[in-house]
Protein backbone atom coordinates (compact mmCIF):
# COMPACT_ATOMS: atom_id res chain seq x y z
CA UNK A 1 -14.50 -7.50 -11.05
CA UNK A 2 -17.32 -5.50 -12.60
CA UNK A 3 -18.31 -1.90 -11.89
CA UNK A 4 -22.01 -1.30 -12.50
CA UNK A 5 -23.66 2.15 -12.36
CA UNK A 6 -27.28 2.00 -11.21
CA UNK A 7 -29.79 3.21 -13.80
CA UNK A 8 -33.40 4.36 -13.26
CA UNK A 9 -35.73 1.45 -12.62
CA UNK A 10 -33.00 -1.05 -11.71
CA UNK A 11 -33.12 -3.14 -8.55
CA UNK A 12 -30.68 -5.40 -6.77
CA UNK A 13 -32.50 -8.37 -8.26
CA UNK A 14 -32.36 -7.14 -11.86
CA UNK A 15 -28.68 -6.21 -11.53
CA UNK A 16 -27.87 -9.57 -9.94
CA UNK A 17 -29.57 -11.39 -12.84
CA UNK A 18 -27.50 -9.40 -15.36
CA UNK A 19 -24.27 -10.77 -13.88
CA UNK A 20 -25.53 -14.19 -12.74
CA UNK A 21 -24.86 -13.51 -9.08
CA UNK A 22 -27.13 -13.34 -6.04
CA UNK A 23 -28.40 -10.07 -4.58
CA UNK A 24 -26.72 -11.07 -1.31
CA UNK A 25 -23.35 -11.14 -3.08
CA UNK A 26 -23.80 -7.52 -4.17
CA UNK A 27 -25.06 -6.48 -0.73
CA UNK A 28 -22.02 -7.98 1.02
CA UNK A 29 -19.46 -6.58 -1.44
CA UNK A 30 -20.83 -3.04 -1.22
CA UNK A 31 -22.04 -3.07 2.42
CA UNK A 32 -25.57 -2.09 1.42
CA UNK A 33 -27.47 -3.32 4.47
CA UNK A 34 -27.92 0.14 5.99
CA UNK A 35 -29.03 1.80 2.72
CA UNK A 36 -32.76 2.41 2.32
CA UNK A 37 -32.52 1.69 -1.43
CA UNK A 38 -30.19 1.94 -4.40
CA UNK A 39 -29.37 5.41 -5.74
CA UNK A 40 -29.48 6.28 -9.43
CA UNK A 41 -25.85 6.91 -10.43
CA UNK A 42 -24.46 4.78 -7.59
CA UNK A 43 -21.44 2.68 -8.59
CA UNK A 44 -21.58 -0.94 -7.44
CA UNK A 45 -18.79 -3.48 -7.44
CA UNK A 46 -19.96 -6.87 -8.72
CA UNK A 47 -17.53 -9.55 -7.47
CA UNK A 48 -17.15 -11.73 -10.55
CA UNK A 49 -14.04 -13.13 -12.18
CA UNK A 50 -13.19 -10.87 -15.07
CA UNK A 51 -15.80 -8.45 -16.36
CA UNK A 52 -18.40 -7.90 -19.06
CA UNK A 53 -18.33 -5.22 -21.73
CA UNK A 54 -21.19 -4.09 -23.94
CA UNK A 55 -20.10 -3.14 -27.48
CA UNK A 56 -20.37 0.57 -28.27
CA UNK A 57 -20.59 2.25 -31.71
CA UNK A 58 -17.20 2.14 -33.44
CA UNK A 59 -15.84 -0.71 -31.31
CA UNK A 60 -13.85 -3.60 -32.77
CA UNK A 61 -12.21 -6.60 -31.19
CA UNK A 62 -8.89 -4.83 -31.74
CA UNK A 63 -9.94 -1.61 -29.93
CA UNK A 64 -11.59 -3.53 -27.09
CA UNK A 65 -8.53 -5.77 -26.77
CA UNK A 66 -6.28 -2.69 -26.60
CA UNK A 67 -8.43 -1.19 -23.87
CA UNK A 68 -8.39 -4.29 -21.67
CA UNK A 69 -5.01 -5.77 -22.59
CA UNK A 70 -6.39 -8.89 -24.26
CA UNK A 71 -5.46 -10.18 -27.73
CA UNK A 72 -8.34 -9.84 -30.26
CA UNK A 73 -8.04 -13.54 -31.16
CA UNK A 74 -8.40 -14.47 -27.47
CA UNK A 75 -11.48 -12.27 -27.14
CA UNK A 76 -13.00 -13.93 -30.20
CA UNK A 77 -12.23 -17.42 -28.86
CA UNK A 78 -13.58 -16.80 -25.36
CA UNK A 79 -16.79 -15.25 -26.65
CA UNK A 80 -17.29 -17.74 -29.50
CA UNK A 81 -17.44 -15.15 -32.29
CA UNK A 82 -15.58 -14.86 -35.63
CA UNK A 83 -12.39 -12.81 -35.37
CA UNK A 84 -13.17 -10.50 -38.29
CA UNK A 85 -16.97 -10.28 -38.07
CA UNK A 86 -18.56 -6.86 -37.35
CA UNK A 87 -19.61 -6.40 -33.72
CA UNK A 88 -23.30 -5.52 -33.20
CA UNK A 89 -23.79 -2.57 -30.81
CA UNK A 90 -24.97 -3.85 -27.43
CA UNK A 91 -23.33 -7.27 -27.73
CA UNK A 92 -22.09 -8.45 -24.33
CA UNK A 93 -18.48 -9.64 -24.35
CA UNK A 94 -16.71 -11.41 -21.51
CA UNK A 95 -13.30 -9.91 -20.68
CA UNK A 96 -11.02 -12.34 -18.81
CA UNK A 97 -8.98 -11.11 -15.84
CA UNK A 98 -5.56 -9.76 -16.72
CA UNK A 99 -2.25 -10.01 -14.87
CA UNK A 100 -2.04 -8.36 -11.45
CA UNK A 101 1.24 -6.45 -11.14
CA UNK A 102 2.91 -6.38 -7.73
CA UNK A 103 2.44 -3.03 -5.97
CA UNK A 104 2.85 -1.63 -2.48
CA UNK A 105 0.07 -0.03 -0.41
CA UNK A 106 0.32 2.16 2.66
CA UNK A 107 -2.39 3.62 4.89
CA UNK A 108 -2.08 6.26 7.58
CA UNK A 109 -4.16 5.92 10.73
CA UNK A 110 -4.59 9.03 12.88
CA UNK A 111 -5.70 8.51 16.49
CA UNK A 112 -7.00 11.52 18.44
CA UNK A 113 -6.79 12.01 22.19
CA UNK A 114 -5.14 9.60 24.59
CA UNK A 115 -6.14 6.30 22.97
CA UNK A 116 -6.98 4.67 19.64
CA UNK A 117 -10.74 4.53 19.10
CA UNK A 118 -12.53 1.25 18.56
CA UNK A 119 -13.44 2.45 15.07
CA UNK A 120 -9.78 2.95 14.12
CA UNK A 121 -8.79 -0.39 15.61
CA UNK A 122 -11.50 -2.11 13.54
CA UNK A 123 -10.59 -0.16 10.40
CA UNK A 124 -6.91 -1.08 10.82
CA UNK A 125 -7.72 -4.78 11.25
CA UNK A 126 -9.91 -4.67 8.13
CA UNK A 127 -7.34 -2.85 6.01
CA UNK A 128 -4.06 -4.46 7.08
CA UNK A 129 -4.40 -7.64 4.94
CA UNK A 130 -4.39 -5.28 1.93
CA UNK A 131 -1.38 -3.20 3.05
CA UNK A 132 2.38 -3.29 2.78
CA UNK A 133 2.75 -0.59 5.47
CA UNK A 134 0.59 0.68 8.34
CA UNK A 135 1.49 4.21 9.40
CA UNK A 136 0.31 5.53 12.81
CA UNK A 137 0.22 9.32 12.52
CA UNK A 138 2.39 10.66 14.04
CA UNK A 139 5.50 10.92 16.20
CA UNK A 140 5.94 14.67 16.73
CA UNK A 141 9.40 16.19 17.03
CA UNK A 142 9.77 18.31 20.16
CA UNK A 143 11.92 21.43 20.41
CA UNK A 144 14.71 19.46 22.08
CA UNK A 145 14.74 16.81 19.33
CA UNK A 146 12.94 14.08 21.25
CA UNK A 147 9.81 12.44 19.84
CA UNK A 148 6.32 12.53 21.31
CA UNK A 149 4.54 9.28 20.49
CA UNK A 150 0.94 9.01 19.33
CA UNK A 151 -1.38 6.53 21.08
CA UNK A 152 -0.73 3.10 19.58
CA UNK A 153 -2.93 0.67 21.57
CA UNK A 154 -1.99 -2.44 19.63
CA UNK A 155 -1.62 -0.86 16.16
CA UNK A 156 1.89 -2.25 15.74
CA UNK A 157 0.70 -5.73 16.67
CA UNK A 158 -2.19 -5.41 14.20
CA UNK A 159 0.30 -4.45 11.49
CA UNK A 160 2.53 -7.43 12.17
CA UNK A 161 -0.35 -9.88 12.43
CA UNK A 162 -1.52 -8.73 8.99
CA UNK A 163 1.95 -8.92 7.47
CA UNK A 164 2.34 -5.13 7.15
CA UNK A 165 5.44 -3.12 7.98
CA UNK A 166 5.00 -0.69 10.90
CA UNK A 167 5.91 2.79 9.64
CA UNK A 168 7.41 5.39 11.99
CA UNK A 169 5.88 8.69 10.81
CA UNK A 170 7.87 11.73 12.02
CA UNK A 171 6.31 15.20 11.67
CA UNK A 172 6.94 18.85 12.51
CA UNK A 173 3.43 19.20 13.91
CA UNK A 174 3.07 21.61 16.81
CA UNK A 175 -0.06 23.07 18.42
CA UNK A 176 -2.37 21.58 15.82
CA UNK A 177 -0.49 22.47 12.65
CA UNK A 178 2.74 22.01 10.71
CA UNK A 179 5.24 24.52 12.05
CA UNK A 180 7.84 26.27 9.89
CA UNK A 181 9.44 27.57 13.09
CA UNK A 182 9.79 24.06 14.50
CA UNK A 183 11.15 22.88 11.16
CA UNK A 184 13.73 25.65 11.26
CA UNK A 185 14.79 24.62 14.78
CA UNK A 186 15.17 20.97 13.76
CA UNK A 187 16.98 21.51 10.50
CA UNK A 188 19.50 24.13 11.67
CA UNK A 189 20.60 22.79 15.05
CA UNK A 190 23.03 19.88 15.05
CA UNK A 191 22.39 18.97 18.67
CA UNK A 192 18.61 18.78 18.09
CA UNK A 193 19.18 16.57 15.05
CA UNK A 194 21.51 14.31 17.02
CA UNK A 195 18.85 13.73 19.69
CA UNK A 196 16.19 13.15 17.05
CA UNK A 197 18.27 10.58 15.20
CA UNK A 198 19.17 8.83 18.47
CA UNK A 199 15.46 8.60 19.32
CA UNK A 200 14.70 7.21 15.86
CA UNK A 201 17.41 4.57 16.26
CA UNK A 202 15.96 3.60 19.64
CA UNK A 203 12.46 3.22 18.21
CA UNK A 204 13.70 1.11 15.31
CA UNK A 205 15.43 -1.23 17.72
CA UNK A 206 12.85 -1.31 20.53
CA UNK A 207 9.56 -1.01 18.63
CA UNK A 208 10.47 -2.79 15.40
CA UNK A 209 9.68 0.01 12.93
CA UNK A 210 11.02 -0.99 9.51
CA UNK A 211 10.37 2.27 7.67
CA UNK A 212 10.98 5.82 8.92
CA UNK A 213 8.76 8.31 7.14
CA UNK A 214 9.41 12.05 7.34
CA UNK A 215 6.40 14.27 6.78
CA UNK A 216 7.85 17.76 7.23
CA UNK A 217 5.46 20.32 5.76
CA UNK A 218 5.27 24.11 5.38
CA UNK A 219 9.02 24.45 5.82
CA UNK A 220 10.66 27.78 5.04
CA UNK A 221 11.90 27.88 1.42
CA UNK A 222 15.36 28.83 2.71
CA UNK A 223 15.47 25.55 4.68
CA UNK A 224 15.39 23.42 1.51
CA UNK A 225 19.12 22.61 1.57
CA UNK A 226 19.09 22.12 5.35
CA UNK A 227 16.27 19.59 4.90
CA UNK A 228 18.28 17.81 2.21
CA UNK A 229 21.33 17.61 4.46
CA UNK A 230 19.25 16.28 7.33
CA UNK A 231 17.67 13.61 5.11
CA UNK A 232 21.10 12.43 4.02
CA UNK A 233 22.17 12.06 7.65
CA UNK A 234 18.92 10.28 8.48
CA UNK A 235 19.21 7.95 5.49
CA UNK A 236 22.73 6.89 6.50
CA UNK A 237 21.62 6.05 10.05
CA UNK A 238 18.33 4.38 9.09
CA UNK A 239 19.91 2.23 6.38
CA UNK A 240 22.63 1.20 8.83
CA UNK A 241 19.80 -0.11 11.07
CA UNK A 242 18.44 -2.20 8.18
CA UNK A 243 15.29 -0.07 7.79
CA UNK A 244 13.82 1.96 4.94
CA UNK A 245 13.46 5.73 4.77
CA UNK A 246 10.61 7.52 3.00
CA UNK A 247 9.21 11.04 2.75
CA UNK A 248 5.88 12.74 2.08
CA UNK A 249 6.01 15.36 -0.66
CA UNK A 250 3.67 18.19 -1.62
CA UNK A 251 2.03 17.75 -5.06
CA UNK A 252 4.30 19.86 -7.27
CA UNK A 253 3.87 20.31 -11.02
CA UNK A 254 7.25 21.96 -11.66
CA UNK A 255 10.63 22.33 -9.99
CA UNK A 256 10.10 26.09 -9.66
CA UNK A 257 6.60 25.96 -8.15
CA UNK A 258 6.29 28.70 -5.55
CA UNK A 259 4.51 28.59 -2.21
CA UNK A 260 5.53 27.57 1.29
CA UNK A 261 4.09 24.08 0.90
CA UNK A 262 6.25 23.35 -2.15
CA UNK A 263 9.60 25.12 -2.22
CA UNK A 264 11.49 23.19 0.48
CA UNK A 265 10.60 19.83 -1.13
CA UNK A 266 13.40 19.00 -3.57
CA UNK A 267 11.93 16.17 -5.66
CA UNK A 268 15.21 15.24 -7.33
CA UNK A 269 17.15 15.03 -4.06
CA UNK A 270 14.46 12.95 -2.37
CA UNK A 271 14.41 10.69 -5.42
CA UNK A 272 18.14 10.03 -5.05
CA UNK A 273 18.26 9.74 -1.27
CA UNK A 274 15.22 7.94 0.13
CA UNK A 275 13.77 4.52 -0.67
CA UNK A 276 10.37 5.86 -1.69
CA UNK A 277 8.18 8.94 -1.53
CA UNK A 278 4.47 9.49 -0.95
CA UNK A 279 3.08 12.24 -3.16
CA UNK A 280 0.17 13.98 -1.44
CA UNK A 281 -1.98 13.98 -4.57
CA UNK A 282 -5.20 15.08 -2.89
CA UNK A 283 -6.85 18.13 -1.28
CA UNK A 284 -7.51 20.14 -4.41
CA UNK A 285 -11.01 20.11 -2.98
CA UNK A 286 -10.47 20.86 0.74
CA UNK A 287 -12.58 21.82 3.71
CA UNK A 288 -11.84 25.55 3.47
CA UNK A 289 -12.00 25.83 -0.31
CA UNK A 290 -14.69 25.80 -2.99
CA UNK A 291 -16.54 22.58 -3.86
CA UNK A 292 -14.62 20.30 -6.20
CA UNK A 293 -13.17 16.79 -6.38
CA UNK A 294 -10.62 16.10 -3.66
CA UNK A 295 -8.24 14.36 -6.08
CA UNK A 296 -9.31 15.16 -9.67
CA UNK A 297 -7.46 12.80 -11.94
CA UNK A 298 -6.36 15.49 -14.39
CA UNK A 299 -4.53 17.31 -11.57
CA UNK A 300 -3.12 14.06 -10.18
CA UNK A 301 -1.75 13.18 -13.61
CA UNK A 302 -0.03 16.57 -13.91
CA UNK A 303 1.79 16.00 -10.61
CA UNK A 304 2.83 12.47 -11.60
CA UNK A 305 3.97 13.59 -15.06
CA UNK A 306 6.38 15.99 -13.38
CA UNK A 307 7.37 13.61 -10.59
CA UNK A 308 8.60 10.88 -12.93
CA UNK A 309 11.06 13.37 -14.48
CA UNK A 310 12.66 13.83 -11.04
CA UNK A 311 12.12 10.59 -9.12
CA UNK A 312 12.42 6.97 -10.31
CA UNK A 313 8.94 5.56 -10.96
CA UNK A 314 9.62 2.59 -8.73
CA UNK A 315 10.05 4.99 -5.79
CA UNK A 316 6.74 6.87 -6.20
CA UNK A 317 3.63 6.10 -4.19
CA UNK A 318 0.55 8.00 -5.35
CA UNK A 319 -1.45 9.53 -2.50
CA UNK A 320 -5.19 8.80 -2.39
CA UNK A 321 -7.95 10.15 -0.16
CA UNK A 322 -10.46 7.81 1.48
CA UNK A 323 -12.98 10.61 2.02
CA UNK A 324 -14.94 13.42 0.43
CA UNK A 325 -16.50 16.69 1.59
CA UNK A 326 -19.98 18.12 2.00
CA UNK A 327 -20.01 21.89 1.32
CA UNK A 328 -22.80 24.30 2.21
CA UNK A 329 -23.56 26.72 -0.63
CA UNK A 330 -22.97 29.42 -1.54
CA UNK A 331 -19.27 28.98 -0.85
CA UNK A 332 -17.65 32.04 0.74
CA UNK A 333 -13.88 32.23 1.43
CA UNK A 334 -13.36 32.16 5.17
CA UNK A 335 -16.92 30.97 5.75
CA UNK A 336 -18.30 27.65 6.92
CA UNK A 337 -15.90 24.72 6.51
CA UNK A 338 -16.96 21.65 4.58
CA UNK A 339 -17.74 18.48 6.52
CA UNK A 340 -15.60 15.40 5.83
CA UNK A 341 -17.65 12.44 4.68
CA UNK A 342 -16.82 8.81 3.87
CA UNK A 343 -17.87 7.25 0.54
CA UNK A 344 -20.38 5.06 2.37
CA UNK A 345 -21.82 8.06 4.22
CA UNK A 346 -22.08 9.99 0.95
CA UNK A 347 -24.09 7.22 -0.72
CA UNK A 348 -26.32 6.77 2.33
CA UNK A 349 -27.00 10.51 2.42
CA UNK A 350 -27.88 10.59 -1.30
CA UNK A 351 -30.35 7.76 -0.69
CA UNK A 352 -31.89 9.47 2.33
CA UNK A 353 -32.19 12.77 0.44
CA UNK A 354 -33.59 11.11 -2.67
CA UNK A 355 -31.05 12.62 -5.08
CA UNK A 356 -29.19 11.00 -7.97
CA UNK A 357 -25.40 10.78 -8.08
CA UNK A 358 -23.67 12.44 -11.02
CA UNK A 359 -20.16 11.84 -12.37
CA UNK A 360 -17.66 14.40 -13.63
CA UNK A 361 -15.78 12.85 -16.59
CA UNK A 362 -12.86 15.29 -16.40
CA UNK A 363 -12.20 14.89 -12.68
CA UNK A 364 -13.34 11.24 -12.77
CA UNK A 365 -15.24 11.78 -9.54
CA UNK A 366 -18.87 11.48 -8.32
CA UNK A 367 -20.87 14.36 -6.85
CA UNK A 368 -24.42 15.46 -6.05
CA UNK A 369 -26.41 18.31 -4.57
CA UNK A 370 -29.20 18.27 -1.99
CA UNK A 371 -31.23 20.71 0.10
CA UNK A 372 -31.18 20.37 3.90
CA UNK A 373 -33.95 20.97 6.43
CA UNK A 374 -33.04 24.67 6.68
CA UNK A 375 -33.41 25.10 2.93
CA UNK A 376 -29.65 25.36 2.34
CA UNK A 377 -28.15 23.77 -0.76
CA UNK A 378 -25.19 21.41 -0.30
CA UNK A 379 -22.68 20.04 -2.79
CA UNK A 380 -20.94 16.72 -2.06
CA UNK A 381 -17.85 15.32 -3.78
CA UNK A 382 -16.55 11.89 -2.79
CA UNK A 383 -14.87 8.72 -4.08
CA UNK A 384 -16.51 5.65 -5.59
CA UNK A 385 -15.58 2.51 -7.51
CA UNK A 386 -15.20 4.45 -10.77
CA UNK A 387 -12.93 7.14 -9.34
CA UNK A 388 -10.64 4.69 -7.54
CA UNK A 389 -10.46 2.42 -10.59
CA UNK A 390 -9.35 5.44 -12.63
CA UNK A 391 -6.51 5.98 -10.13
CA UNK A 392 -5.54 2.30 -10.29
CA UNK A 393 -5.47 2.52 -14.09
CA UNK A 394 -3.16 5.55 -13.83
CA UNK A 395 -0.90 3.80 -11.30
CA UNK A 396 -0.61 0.82 -13.63
CA UNK A 397 -0.08 2.96 -16.74
CA UNK A 398 2.75 4.96 -15.14
CA UNK A 399 4.48 1.98 -13.53
CA UNK A 400 4.54 3.49 -10.03
CA UNK A 401 5.55 1.76 -6.81
CA UNK A 402 2.06 1.83 -5.31
CA UNK A 403 -0.58 3.82 -3.47
CA UNK A 404 -0.79 5.50 -0.06
CA UNK A 405 -4.13 6.22 1.63
CA UNK A 406 -5.06 9.15 3.83
CA UNK A 407 -6.62 7.90 6.08
CA UNK A 408 -8.26 4.87 7.73
CA UNK A 409 -11.55 5.11 9.60
CA UNK A 410 -13.72 6.29 6.68
CA UNK A 411 -15.60 3.35 5.18
CA UNK A 412 -14.89 2.61 1.50
CA UNK A 413 -15.22 -1.17 1.08
CA UNK A 414 -15.12 -1.05 -2.73
CA UNK A 415 -11.57 0.30 -2.62
CA UNK A 416 -10.14 -2.80 -0.99
CA UNK A 417 -11.97 -5.17 -3.36
CA UNK A 418 -10.71 -3.29 -6.40
CA UNK A 419 -7.18 -2.94 -5.01
CA UNK A 420 -6.89 -6.72 -4.72
CA UNK A 421 -8.54 -7.22 -8.12
CA UNK A 422 -6.03 -4.92 -9.84
CA UNK A 423 -2.81 -5.75 -8.01
CA UNK A 424 -0.92 -8.25 -5.92
CA UNK A 425 -0.17 -6.25 -2.79
CA UNK A 426 3.45 -6.73 -1.76
CA UNK A 427 4.17 -7.94 1.75
CA UNK A 428 7.54 -7.26 3.39
CA UNK A 429 8.92 -9.09 6.40
CA UNK A 430 7.79 -6.94 9.32
CA UNK A 431 10.79 -7.78 11.43
């Protein structure tokens, strides 16, 4: 699979000729039919076997082989060049596809209202062939310990038809937000916990959930040990039912990190107790904050570097956003919130506004600015083929369990093509 960044003066036809494919192939892979034209700086996925690389100053077959995991002698053989000859700058080399390690993939899907929208049903059907788990968000714990179900409308059947495990996501959401008070009530009342665990057992047996996923956020720091004790009880019951247990964890960079989002999440205990964790490695750029990449790779790496000292690598799923944000400038704390935007919407908007897409090498993320009809300047950060490939490279480098997406319903077709190109997505028996 090739990633190509559009340069000034290029067209679909000239790009297609470069890679010996048809323009229609590029249109279908990148869902370009509703774009008025290509955008300078836009990253395209070219669906070819392997990839091409153009020699840069200082390159050698050894350095290129190291970068792509191919022996220098194999590169020389495939490209019909002498092993020890100097490489002219600009020479096009063919890089064969490498091995695809087996990884797991999860995606949350969050219905609103009383039913699952047609858009979310379609997005789930499209994504589920590429997933190990499908996670309807969420079953909310009530004050008495019972669970309030989200609308499902066939989501569990879609999961099973696509060979994905239905995930039972349990949260301390109340009145539109994560509640420390509700968390306190759950974690410090044995009778409430008993009812909650009984309800979880019932759902495992009646609904066929094969993973129970606790996403308890903004807990009181003093409830850290109570949360640990509850997770141990839950793990014993869930494992006895033949299911997995997992948790969502705030993106910590040290064991002593302060803040209500972080302190009750004991990485080391979760690493010992549950089958896997989802690290929420996104929302550095968020709707109420200043413009920046949602999941800058330098920050993601810092979280993962700490996590692997506390949690076995094979239990860590890296969180990944499927969206970006459009901020109105100037940013003012407490002012106008940024608008969520899908990668496809971001590219379409850049085309409509006639602006080029830039790329931040440190964050490994695309962005651009435009001026709206009222004369206001906007700044947009989103995900593209380059940014998601950087995350896949990191996942592979660190030997993690897999990736977990928040959330379906925001179009990013390049992600699924590159996921399958990089990895063999594990499928578990859905039960």
